[in-house]
Amino acid sequence: MKKALMVLSITCLGQITFAHAATDWTPYLKPMMSGCSYPNPTDDLPTRYKDSVASKKLKRDSYNYDILDYEGDMITTYDLKNAIAFGQSLLRVEYLQGYEWSHLKLYFKDTKFTELRSKFKLPESNEQAGEYITVTKNNSSGYEVEDIGYITLEFNRKEKSITCYGGF
């Protein structure tokens, strides 16, 4: 009996250690939950998150916009190891910087992330400053908001991703 208890204790302790070893990206990505604000991970990604980056890929989209000196959209992809965000296993973070728009896309291990939708809030307008927003969509798969530009939140079950888009 004592041996069984000792083995069980060691097994549980090992699982607890493993759970704590995951890098939690939630504090860094939390602004996404408030009006789809998001950080630019290509600007000085904090060291505590770099430890969970298995690889980093840069890709320039060759689409020709006919814009003087614009070389195309830049896509930065971080493949992650042992990372979580909002309590879910996070596999990849993708940041796309376009000419007048960008997006941050989070890829998850499974579709459990869809349970998070109700925690992602619409942007707030500052009516005193003359800023008003128009909500053109708001449902279980995300929202679309227009003001001077646009903001979109998309929960994609097929890709297992959450994306925030913003632009003018």
Protein backbone atom coordinates (compact mmCIF):
# COMPACT_ATOMS: atom_id res chain seq x y z
CA MET A 1 0.00 0.00 0.00
CA LYS A 2 2.82 2.40 0.90
CA LYS A 3 4.55 1.70 -2.43
CA ALA A 4 1.34 2.41 -4.35
CA LEU A 5 0.88 5.68 -2.48
CA MET A 6 4.48 6.70 -3.13
CA VAL A 7 4.18 5.94 -6.87
CA LEU A 8 0.90 7.86 -7.02
CA SER A 9 2.48 10.83 -5.21
CA ILE A 10 5.47 10.91 -7.56
CA THR A 11 3.20 10.65 -10.59
CA CYS A 12 1.02 13.53 -9.41
CA LEU A 13 4.04 15.64 -8.54
CA GLY A 14 5.46 15.03 -12.03
CA GLN A 15 2.19 16.16 -13.63
CA ILE A 16 2.05 19.31 -11.51
CA THR A 17 5.65 20.14 -12.45
CA PHE A 18 4.83 19.65 -16.13
CA ALA A 19 1.76 21.90 -15.92
CA HIS A 20 3.81 24.68 -14.32
CA ALA A 21 6.55 24.34 -16.93
CA ALA A 22 4.30 25.67 -19.73
CA THR A 23 4.85 29.28 -20.73
CA ASP A 24 1.63 31.24 -20.22
CA TRP A 25 1.17 33.86 -22.95
CA THR A 26 -2.09 35.13 -21.40
CA PRO A 27 -0.65 38.32 -19.82
CA TYR A 28 0.95 39.31 -23.14
CA LEU A 29 -2.14 38.53 -25.24
CA LYS A 30 -4.79 39.75 -22.78
CA PRO A 31 -5.38 43.06 -24.66
CA MET A 32 -7.01 40.97 -27.41
CA MET A 33 -9.92 40.38 -25.02
CA SER A 34 -10.65 44.12 -24.80
CA GLY A 35 -11.71 45.39 -28.18
CA CYS A 36 -9.22 43.27 -30.10
CA SER A 37 -6.21 45.35 -29.15
CA TYR A 38 -3.10 43.30 -29.61
CA PRO A 39 0.64 43.53 -29.17
CA ASN A 40 3.10 43.37 -32.04
CA PRO A 41 5.29 40.37 -31.18
CA THR A 42 7.91 41.48 -33.70
CA ASP A 43 8.61 44.56 -31.53
CA ASP A 44 10.72 43.38 -28.63
CA LEU A 45 9.01 40.11 -27.63
CA PRO A 46 9.64 39.76 -23.87
CA THR A 47 12.27 37.18 -22.93
CA ARG A 48 9.83 35.11 -20.86
CA TYR A 49 7.92 34.27 -24.08
CA LYS A 50 10.99 33.70 -26.25
CA ASP A 51 11.76 30.55 -24.25
CA SER A 52 8.64 28.89 -25.67
CA VAL A 53 9.42 29.76 -29.31
CA ALA A 54 10.50 26.59 -31.14
CA SER A 55 11.01 28.40 -34.46
CA LYS A 56 10.45 31.77 -36.10
CA LYS A 57 9.62 32.20 -39.79
CA LEU A 58 9.49 35.40 -41.83
CA LYS A 59 7.66 35.55 -45.14
CA ARG A 60 7.04 38.49 -47.41
CA ASP A 61 3.79 38.36 -49.38
CA SER A 62 4.61 39.14 -52.99
CA TYR A 63 1.21 40.64 -53.81
CA ASN A 64 1.76 43.85 -55.80
CA TYR A 65 -0.20 46.76 -54.33
CA ASP A 66 1.38 49.34 -56.66
CA ILE A 67 2.35 51.43 -53.65
CA LEU A 68 5.61 53.34 -53.92
CA ASP A 69 8.39 51.70 -51.86
CA TYR A 70 6.03 49.09 -50.37
CA GLU A 71 7.57 45.64 -50.64
CA GLY A 72 4.53 43.63 -49.53
CA ASP A 73 2.96 42.30 -46.35
CA MET A 74 5.33 40.75 -43.80
CA ILE A 75 4.16 37.60 -42.01
CA THR A 76 6.03 36.56 -38.85
CA THR A 77 5.16 33.11 -37.48
CA TYR A 78 6.25 31.74 -34.13
CA ASP A 79 5.84 27.97 -33.72
CA LEU A 80 5.61 27.32 -30.00
CA LYS A 81 6.51 24.52 -27.65
CA ASN A 82 4.79 23.97 -24.31
CA ALA A 83 2.80 27.22 -24.39
CA ILE A 84 -0.70 28.16 -23.27
CA ALA A 85 -2.94 31.19 -23.63
CA PHE A 86 -6.23 31.80 -21.84
CA GLY A 87 -5.93 28.29 -20.33
CA GLN A 88 -5.68 26.56 -23.74
CA SER A 89 -2.70 24.90 -25.47
CA LEU A 90 -1.21 27.45 -27.86
CA LEU A 91 0.66 26.06 -30.88
CA ARG A 92 1.46 29.09 -33.03
CA VAL A 93 1.31 32.88 -33.11
CA GLU A 94 1.18 34.68 -36.46
CA TYR A 95 1.57 38.42 -36.93
CA LEU A 96 0.91 39.98 -40.32
CA GLN A 97 1.89 43.59 -40.99
CA GLY A 98 0.25 44.98 -44.10
CA TYR A 99 0.34 48.45 -45.62
CA GLU A 100 -2.54 49.89 -43.59
CA TRP A 101 -3.68 46.85 -41.68
CA SER A 102 -2.40 44.01 -39.51
CA HIS A 103 -3.57 40.91 -37.74
CA LEU A 104 -2.57 38.70 -34.86
CA LYS A 105 -3.66 35.07 -35.15
CA LEU A 106 -3.42 32.46 -32.41
CA TYR A 107 -3.54 28.75 -33.30
CA PHE A 108 -4.71 26.29 -30.66
CA LYS A 109 -4.39 22.54 -30.15
CA ASP A 110 -8.14 21.85 -30.29
CA THR A 111 -11.50 23.61 -30.50
CA LYS A 112 -11.90 24.11 -26.74
CA PHE A 113 -10.74 27.71 -27.31
CA THR A 114 -14.24 28.52 -28.67
CA GLU A 115 -15.47 28.53 -25.06
CA LEU A 116 -13.54 31.81 -24.69
CA ARG A 117 -15.70 33.79 -27.14
CA SER A 118 -17.90 35.39 -24.45
CA LYS A 119 -14.79 36.79 -22.73
CA PHE A 120 -13.75 38.79 -25.83
CA LYS A 121 -15.43 42.19 -25.60
CA LEU A 122 -16.29 44.77 -28.25
CA PRO A 123 -14.15 47.91 -28.46
CA GLU A 124 -15.48 50.86 -26.51
CA SER A 125 -16.25 54.14 -28.20
CA ASN A 126 -15.25 57.46 -26.71
CA GLU A 127 -18.36 59.49 -27.45
CA GLN A 128 -17.04 62.55 -25.59
CA ALA A 129 -14.13 62.67 -28.06
CA GLY A 130 -16.55 62.25 -30.98
CA GLU A 131 -15.52 58.66 -31.59
CA TYR A 132 -18.37 56.33 -32.43
CA ILE A 133 -18.32 52.71 -33.51
CA THR A 134 -20.75 50.75 -35.63
CA VAL A 135 -21.09 47.05 -34.87
CA THR A 136 -21.83 45.26 -38.15
CA LYS A 137 -21.55 41.71 -36.74
CA ASN A 138 -21.47 40.22 -33.25
CA ASN A 139 -22.05 36.48 -32.80
CA SER A 140 -20.40 33.27 -31.59
CA SER A 141 -17.79 33.40 -34.36
CA GLY A 142 -16.66 36.96 -33.59
CA TYR A 143 -17.49 40.55 -34.40
CA GLU A 144 -16.87 43.31 -36.93
CA VAL A 145 -16.72 46.95 -35.90
CA GLU A 146 -16.31 50.07 -38.00
CA ASP A 147 -15.13 53.48 -36.91
CA ILE A 148 -12.43 55.44 -38.75
CA GLY A 149 -11.08 52.04 -39.75
CA TYR A 150 -12.25 48.55 -38.90
CA ILE A 151 -11.68 45.94 -36.21
CA THR A 152 -12.56 42.28 -36.63
CA LEU A 153 -12.46 39.34 -34.22
CA GLU A 154 -12.73 35.87 -35.75
CA PHE A 155 -13.05 32.52 -33.98
CA ASN A 156 -12.31 29.88 -36.63
CA ARG A 157 -13.12 26.30 -35.56
CA LYS A 158 -11.70 24.80 -38.76
CA GLU A 159 -8.29 26.47 -38.33
CA LYS A 160 -8.55 26.28 -34.52
CA SER A 161 -7.65 29.94 -34.37
CA ILE A 162 -8.56 33.33 -32.95
CA THR A 163 -7.68 36.31 -35.12
CA CYS A 164 -7.85 40.04 -34.47
CA TYR A 165 -7.67 42.24 -37.58
CA GLY A 166 -7.36 45.99 -37.65
CA GLY A 167 -6.85 48.60 -40.31
CA PHE A 168 -7.94 51.72 -42.14
